[in-house]
Amino acid sequence: MNPAIRSLCICSALLGLVLGCGKDDPVKPIVPAPPRYFTPSAPESTVLDYALAWERRDSTMIDSVLTDDYTGASVDMTDPSPATLMFTRADEIRAVGGLALDLYVSSVAVSLGTGPWIRLTNVGDPPEWVTLQRTGVMLSITNSHFNDLHSNNSTLEFKLKPIVSASGTTWKIIHWSEIHT
């Protein structure tokens, strides 16, 4: 082998070793940062976290935004014989956890609509509770094994109550209702 070519190969190998040896490990996998959520210091932030938790299929976050006595209700007005489906906090956590475990579900998308947050006051609720309403809400679950689920044009109503602690006030969802039209 030509001595000049041999020297060039040796120098290239040494340069590669020197440049490749450092604190950064090029083989180390990149670990994604944990999902970011909003601070639940306002009712709207808590509802946004709820929607993000569904999209991310994060049952731990769903658990953290719901009160222990949470209830939900859904009615599909497009059904010729609409019936109200009732569910609990455990049902909600199980549903989101099931989406995370389902190998056929490739995505979950939640759109809370583009209109303003509508704040309502319900006479029967404690005065510190807040009711938020969103119209034009859409949910889409993409499933490669069965038909996809698409729920469009729903009106959602969230009842939230403040949780006061020494570190401040946060909000949790105590009731959720959906009317699908």
C-alpha atoms as a PDB file:
ATOM      1  CA  MET A   1       0.000   0.000   0.000  1.00  0.00           C
ATOM      2  CA  ASN A   2       1.251   3.450  -0.844  1.00  0.00           C
ATOM      3  CA  PRO A   3       2.719   5.057   2.326  1.00  0.00           C
ATOM      4  CA  ALA A   4       0.828   8.329   1.673  1.00  0.00           C
ATOM      5  CA  ILE A   5      -2.533   6.525   1.413  1.00  0.00           C
ATOM      6  CA  ARG A   6      -1.695   4.440   4.473  1.00  0.00           C
ATOM      7  CA  SER A   7      -0.880   7.587   6.491  1.00  0.00           C
ATOM      8  CA  LEU A   8      -4.108   9.237   5.300  1.00  0.00           C
ATOM      9  CA  CYS A   9      -6.143   6.194   6.413  1.00  0.00           C
ATOM     10  CA  ILE A  10      -4.453   6.129   9.829  1.00  0.00           C
ATOM     11  CA  CYS A  11      -4.986   9.889  10.293  1.00  0.00           C
ATOM     12  CA  SER A  12      -8.629   9.575   9.256  1.00  0.00           C
ATOM     13  CA  ALA A  13      -9.187   6.730  11.719  1.00  0.00           C
ATOM     14  CA  LEU A  14      -7.478   8.643  14.537  1.00  0.00           C
ATOM     15  CA  LEU A  15      -9.445  11.802  13.725  1.00  0.00           C
ATOM     16  CA  GLY A  16     -12.673   9.781  13.772  1.00  0.00           C
ATOM     17  CA  LEU A  17     -11.780   8.355  17.190  1.00  0.00           C
ATOM     18  CA  VAL A  18     -10.887  11.759  18.591  1.00  0.00           C
ATOM     19  CA  LEU A  19     -13.996  13.463  17.249  1.00  0.00           C
ATOM     20  CA  GLY A  20     -16.200  10.532  18.181  1.00  0.00           C
ATOM     21  CA  CYS A  21     -14.993  10.422  21.781  1.00  0.00           C
ATOM     22  CA  GLY A  22     -16.788  12.942  23.844  1.00  0.00           C
ATOM     23  CA  LYS A  23     -19.497  13.348  26.421  1.00  0.00           C
ATOM     24  CA  ASP A  24     -22.281  12.977  23.876  1.00  0.00           C
ATOM     25  CA  ASP A  25     -23.088   9.357  23.128  1.00  0.00           C
ATOM     26  CA  PRO A  26     -24.318   9.217  19.527  1.00  0.00           C
ATOM     27  CA  VAL A  27     -25.842   5.799  20.189  1.00  0.00           C
ATOM     28  CA  LYS A  28     -27.890   6.936  23.197  1.00  0.00           C
ATOM     29  CA  PRO A  29     -31.590   6.984  22.316  1.00  0.00           C
ATOM     30  CA  ILE A  30     -33.432  10.266  22.509  1.00  0.00           C
ATOM     31  CA  VAL A  31     -35.985  10.043  25.294  1.00  0.00           C
ATOM     32  CA  PRO A  32     -39.010  12.246  24.611  1.00  0.00           C
ATOM     33  CA  ALA A  33     -39.943  14.733  27.270  1.00  0.00           C
ATOM     34  CA  PRO A  34     -43.055  13.889  29.266  1.00  0.00           C
ATOM     35  CA  PRO A  35     -46.228  15.442  27.884  1.00  0.00           C
ATOM     36  CA  ARG A  36     -46.839  18.979  28.999  1.00  0.00           C
ATOM     37  CA  TYR A  37     -50.176  20.018  30.388  1.00  0.00           C
ATOM     38  CA  PHE A  38     -51.639  23.297  31.550  1.00  0.00           C
ATOM     39  CA  THR A  39     -51.642  24.288  35.198  1.00  0.00           C
ATOM     40  CA  PRO A  40     -55.235  23.696  36.371  1.00  0.00           C
ATOM     41  CA  SER A  41     -55.467  27.168  37.904  1.00  0.00           C
ATOM     42  CA  ALA A  42     -58.493  28.075  35.767  1.00  0.00           C
ATOM     43  CA  PRO A  43     -61.517  25.965  34.762  1.00  0.00           C
ATOM     44  CA  GLU A  44     -60.645  26.346  31.058  1.00  0.00           C
ATOM     45  CA  SER A  45     -57.134  24.965  31.665  1.00  0.00           C
ATOM     46  CA  THR A  46     -58.572  21.889  33.354  1.00  0.00           C
ATOM     47  CA  VAL A  47     -60.895  21.224  30.408  1.00  0.00           C
ATOM     48  CA  LEU A  48     -57.970  21.636  27.990  1.00  0.00           C
ATOM     49  CA  ASP A  49     -55.978  19.114  30.047  1.00  0.00           C
ATOM     50  CA  TYR A  50     -58.966  16.747  29.909  1.00  0.00           C
ATOM     51  CA  ALA A  51     -59.045  16.956  26.103  1.00  0.00           C
ATOM     52  CA  LEU A  52     -55.255  16.550  25.831  1.00  0.00           C
ATOM     53  CA  ALA A  53     -55.379  13.518  28.132  1.00  0.00           C
ATOM     54  CA  TRP A  54     -57.911  11.866  25.819  1.00  0.00           C
ATOM     55  CA  GLU A  55     -55.732  12.631  22.782  1.00  0.00           C
ATOM     56  CA  ARG A  56     -52.618  11.309  24.514  1.00  0.00           C
ATOM     57  CA  ARG A  57     -54.558   8.371  25.984  1.00  0.00           C
ATOM     58  CA  ASP A  58     -53.251   9.366  29.403  1.00  0.00           C
ATOM     59  CA  SER A  59     -55.443   7.766  32.069  1.00  0.00           C
ATOM     60  CA  THR A  60     -53.234   9.176  34.837  1.00  0.00           C
ATOM     61  CA  MET A  61     -54.049  12.729  33.746  1.00  0.00           C
ATOM     62  CA  ILE A  62     -57.747  11.861  33.385  1.00  0.00           C
ATOM     63  CA  ASP A  63     -57.618  10.621  36.970  1.00  0.00           C
ATOM     64  CA  SER A  64     -56.059  13.897  38.130  1.00  0.00           C
ATOM     65  CA  VAL A  65     -58.602  16.251  36.501  1.00  0.00           C
ATOM     66  CA  LEU A  66     -61.727  14.464  37.781  1.00  0.00           C
ATOM     67  CA  THR A  67     -63.205  14.646  41.276  1.00  0.00           C
ATOM     68  CA  ASP A  68     -63.796  11.426  43.203  1.00  0.00           C
ATOM     69  CA  ASP A  69     -67.579  11.869  42.789  1.00  0.00           C
ATOM     70  CA  TYR A  70     -67.363  12.708  39.063  1.00  0.00           C
ATOM     71  CA  THR A  71     -70.229  11.610  36.807  1.00  0.00           C
ATOM     72  CA  GLY A  72     -70.761  11.865  33.097  1.00  0.00           C
ATOM     73  CA  ALA A  73     -73.728  11.675  30.764  1.00  0.00           C
ATOM     74  CA  SER A  74     -74.009  11.381  27.008  1.00  0.00           C
ATOM     75  CA  VAL A  75     -77.024  11.328  24.722  1.00  0.00           C
ATOM     76  CA  ASP A  76     -77.025  10.905  20.948  1.00  0.00           C
ATOM     77  CA  MET A  77     -79.969  12.893  19.568  1.00  0.00           C
ATOM     78  CA  THR A  78     -79.367  11.461  16.071  1.00  0.00           C
ATOM     79  CA  ASP A  79     -80.480   8.057  17.390  1.00  0.00           C
ATOM     80  CA  PRO A  80     -84.195   7.393  16.700  1.00  0.00           C
ATOM     81  CA  SER A  81     -84.554   6.254  20.328  1.00  0.00           C
ATOM     82  CA  PRO A  82     -81.999   8.345  22.201  1.00  0.00           C
ATOM     83  CA  ALA A  83     -80.959   7.032  25.593  1.00  0.00           C
ATOM     84  CA  THR A  84     -78.718   8.739  28.116  1.00  0.00           C
ATOM     85  CA  LEU A  85     -75.510   6.865  28.886  1.00  0.00           C
ATOM     86  CA  MET A  86     -74.235   7.466  32.423  1.00  0.00           C
ATOM     87  CA  PHE A  87     -70.696   6.808  33.593  1.00  0.00           C
ATOM     88  CA  THR A  88     -68.413   7.296  36.562  1.00  0.00           C
ATOM     89  CA  ARG A  89     -64.843   8.413  37.135  1.00  0.00           C
ATOM     90  CA  ALA A  90     -63.693   4.773  37.076  1.00  0.00           C
ATOM     91  CA  ASP A  91     -65.480   4.272  33.726  1.00  0.00           C
ATOM     92  CA  GLU A  92     -63.731   7.320  32.270  1.00  0.00           C
ATOM     93  CA  ILE A  93     -60.280   6.236  33.483  1.00  0.00           C
ATOM     94  CA  ARG A  94     -60.887   2.713  32.168  1.00  0.00           C
ATOM     95  CA  ALA A  95     -62.005   4.038  28.760  1.00  0.00           C
ATOM     96  CA  VAL A  96     -58.897   6.181  28.292  1.00  0.00           C
ATOM     97  CA  GLY A  97     -56.643   3.396  29.589  1.00  0.00           C
ATOM     98  CA  GLY A  98     -58.317   0.984  27.162  1.00  0.00           C
ATOM     99  CA  LEU A  99     -57.506   3.292  24.253  1.00  0.00           C
ATOM    100  CA  ALA A 100     -53.856   3.312  25.357  1.00  0.00           C
ATOM    101  CA  LEU A 101     -53.733  -0.488  25.473  1.00  0.00           C
ATOM    102  CA  ASP A 102     -55.620  -1.077  22.212  1.00  0.00           C
ATOM    103  CA  LEU A 103     -52.995  -1.930  19.598  1.00  0.00           C
ATOM    104  CA  TYR A 104     -55.435  -1.100  16.793  1.00  0.00           C
ATOM    105  CA  VAL A 105     -56.045   2.505  17.886  1.00  0.00           C
ATOM    106  CA  SER A 106     -53.518   4.667  16.077  1.00  0.00           C
ATOM    107  CA  SER A 107     -54.801   8.108  17.051  1.00  0.00           C
ATOM    108  CA  VAL A 108     -57.326  10.020  19.101  1.00  0.00           C
ATOM    109  CA  ALA A 109     -58.175  13.611  18.203  1.00  0.00           C
ATOM    110  CA  VAL A 110     -60.307  16.001  20.219  1.00  0.00           C
ATOM    111  CA  SER A 111     -61.353  19.428  18.980  1.00  0.00           C
ATOM    112  CA  LEU A 112     -63.113  21.635  21.505  1.00  0.00           C
ATOM    113  CA  GLY A 113     -64.439  23.871  18.731  1.00  0.00           C
ATOM    114  CA  THR A 114     -63.370  27.385  17.856  1.00  0.00           C
ATOM    115  CA  GLY A 115     -65.985  29.501  19.561  1.00  0.00           C
ATOM    116  CA  PRO A 116     -65.685  31.299  22.868  1.00  0.00           C
ATOM    117  CA  TRP A 117     -65.905  29.560  26.224  1.00  0.00           C
ATOM    118  CA  ILE A 118     -69.463  29.987  27.453  1.00  0.00           C
ATOM    119  CA  ARG A 119     -69.771  30.317  31.238  1.00  0.00           C
ATOM    120  CA  LEU A 120     -73.117  29.359  32.696  1.00  0.00           C
ATOM    121  CA  THR A 121     -74.582  29.615  36.160  1.00  0.00           C
ATOM    122  CA  ASN A 122     -76.875  26.856  37.325  1.00  0.00           C
ATOM    123  CA  VAL A 123     -79.145  27.759  40.237  1.00  0.00           C
ATOM    124  CA  GLY A 124     -78.881  24.295  41.811  1.00  0.00           C
ATOM    125  CA  ASP A 125     -75.061  24.293  41.881  1.00  0.00           C
ATOM    126  CA  PRO A 126     -72.942  25.568  44.763  1.00  0.00           C
ATOM    127  CA  PRO A 127     -71.951  29.215  44.117  1.00  0.00           C
ATOM    128  CA  GLU A 128     -68.231  28.464  43.725  1.00  0.00           C
ATOM    129  CA  TRP A 129     -68.775  25.962  40.882  1.00  0.00           C
ATOM    130  CA  VAL A 130     -68.264  26.988  37.267  1.00  0.00           C
ATOM    131  CA  THR A 131     -70.084  25.532  34.270  1.00  0.00           C
ATOM    132  CA  LEU A 132     -68.372  25.779  30.880  1.00  0.00           C
ATOM    133  CA  GLN A 133     -70.084  24.979  27.609  1.00  0.00           C
ATOM    134  CA  ARG A 134     -68.458  24.256  24.252  1.00  0.00           C
ATOM    135  CA  THR A 135     -70.300  23.773  20.977  1.00  0.00           C
ATOM    136  CA  GLY A 136     -69.069  22.130  17.774  1.00  0.00           C
ATOM    137  CA  VAL A 137     -66.900  19.642  19.659  1.00  0.00           C
ATOM    138  CA  MET A 138     -65.453  16.742  17.674  1.00  0.00           C
ATOM    139  CA  LEU A 139     -63.904  13.424  18.751  1.00  0.00           C
ATOM    140  CA  SER A 140     -62.184  11.084  16.316  1.00  0.00           C
ATOM    141  CA  ILE A 141     -60.684   7.694  17.153  1.00  0.00           C
ATOM    142  CA  THR A 142     -58.746   6.008  14.354  1.00  0.00           C
ATOM    143  CA  ASN A 143     -58.814   2.226  14.595  1.00  0.00           C
ATOM    144  CA  SER A 144     -57.120   0.064  11.960  1.00  0.00           C
ATOM    145  CA  HIS A 145     -59.077  -3.081  12.879  1.00  0.00           C
ATOM    146  CA  PHE A 146     -62.658  -1.843  13.055  1.00  0.00           C
ATOM    147  CA  ASN A 147     -64.504   1.218  11.840  1.00  0.00           C
ATOM    148  CA  ASP A 148     -63.187   4.549  13.000  1.00  0.00           C
ATOM    149  CA  LEU A 149     -65.289   6.499  15.479  1.00  0.00           C
ATOM    150  CA  HIS A 150     -66.145  10.074  14.591  1.00  0.00           C
ATOM    151  CA  SER A 151     -68.397  12.197  16.760  1.00  0.00           C
ATOM    152  CA  ASN A 152     -69.034  15.629  15.309  1.00  0.00           C
ATOM    153  CA  ASN A 153     -71.158  18.573  16.304  1.00  0.00           C
ATOM    154  CA  SER A 154     -71.528  17.821  19.983  1.00  0.00           C
ATOM    155  CA  THR A 155     -72.274  20.293  22.735  1.00  0.00           C
ATOM    156  CA  LEU A 156     -70.290  19.620  25.879  1.00  0.00           C
ATOM    157  CA  GLU A 157     -70.945  21.023  29.292  1.00  0.00           C
ATOM    158  CA  PHE A 158     -68.362  20.743  32.062  1.00  0.00           C
ATOM    159  CA  LYS A 159     -69.103  21.474  35.716  1.00  0.00           C
ATOM    160  CA  LEU A 160     -65.969  22.266  37.679  1.00  0.00           C
ATOM    161  CA  LYS A 161     -65.339  22.913  41.330  1.00  0.00           C
ATOM    162  CA  PRO A 162     -62.380  24.620  42.949  1.00  0.00           C
ATOM    163  CA  ILE A 163     -59.987  22.657  45.131  1.00  0.00           C
ATOM    164  CA  VAL A 164     -58.390  25.039  47.622  1.00  0.00           C
ATOM    165  CA  SER A 165     -55.084  24.136  49.279  1.00  0.00           C
ATOM    166  CA  ALA A 166     -52.165  25.949  50.883  1.00  0.00           C
ATOM    167  CA  SER A 167     -50.458  26.153  47.473  1.00  0.00           C
ATOM    168  CA  GLY A 168     -53.453  27.772  45.751  1.00  0.00           C
ATOM    169  CA  THR A 169     -56.688  26.948  43.973  1.00  0.00           C
ATOM    170  CA  THR A 170     -56.951  24.332  41.253  1.00  0.00           C
ATOM    171  CA  TRP A 171     -60.037  23.131  39.389  1.00  0.00           C
ATOM    172  CA  LYS A 172     -61.430  19.645  38.854  1.00  0.00           C
ATOM    173  CA  ILE A 173     -64.289  18.360  36.728  1.00  0.00           C
ATOM    174  CA  ILE A 174     -67.209  17.080  38.786  1.00  0.00           C
ATOM    175  CA  HIS A 175     -69.652  16.487  35.914  1.00  0.00           C
ATOM    176  CA  TRP A 176     -69.533  16.291  32.147  1.00  0.00           C
ATOM    177  CA  SER A 177     -72.433  16.015  29.750  1.00  0.00           C
ATOM    178  CA  GLU A 178     -72.631  15.656  25.987  1.00  0.00           C
ATOM    179  CA  ILE A 179     -75.514  16.190  23.643  1.00  0.00           C
ATOM    180  CA  HIS A 180     -74.702  14.883  20.160  1.00  0.00           C
ATOM    181  CA  THR A 181     -76.834  16.399  17.394  1.00  0.00           C
END
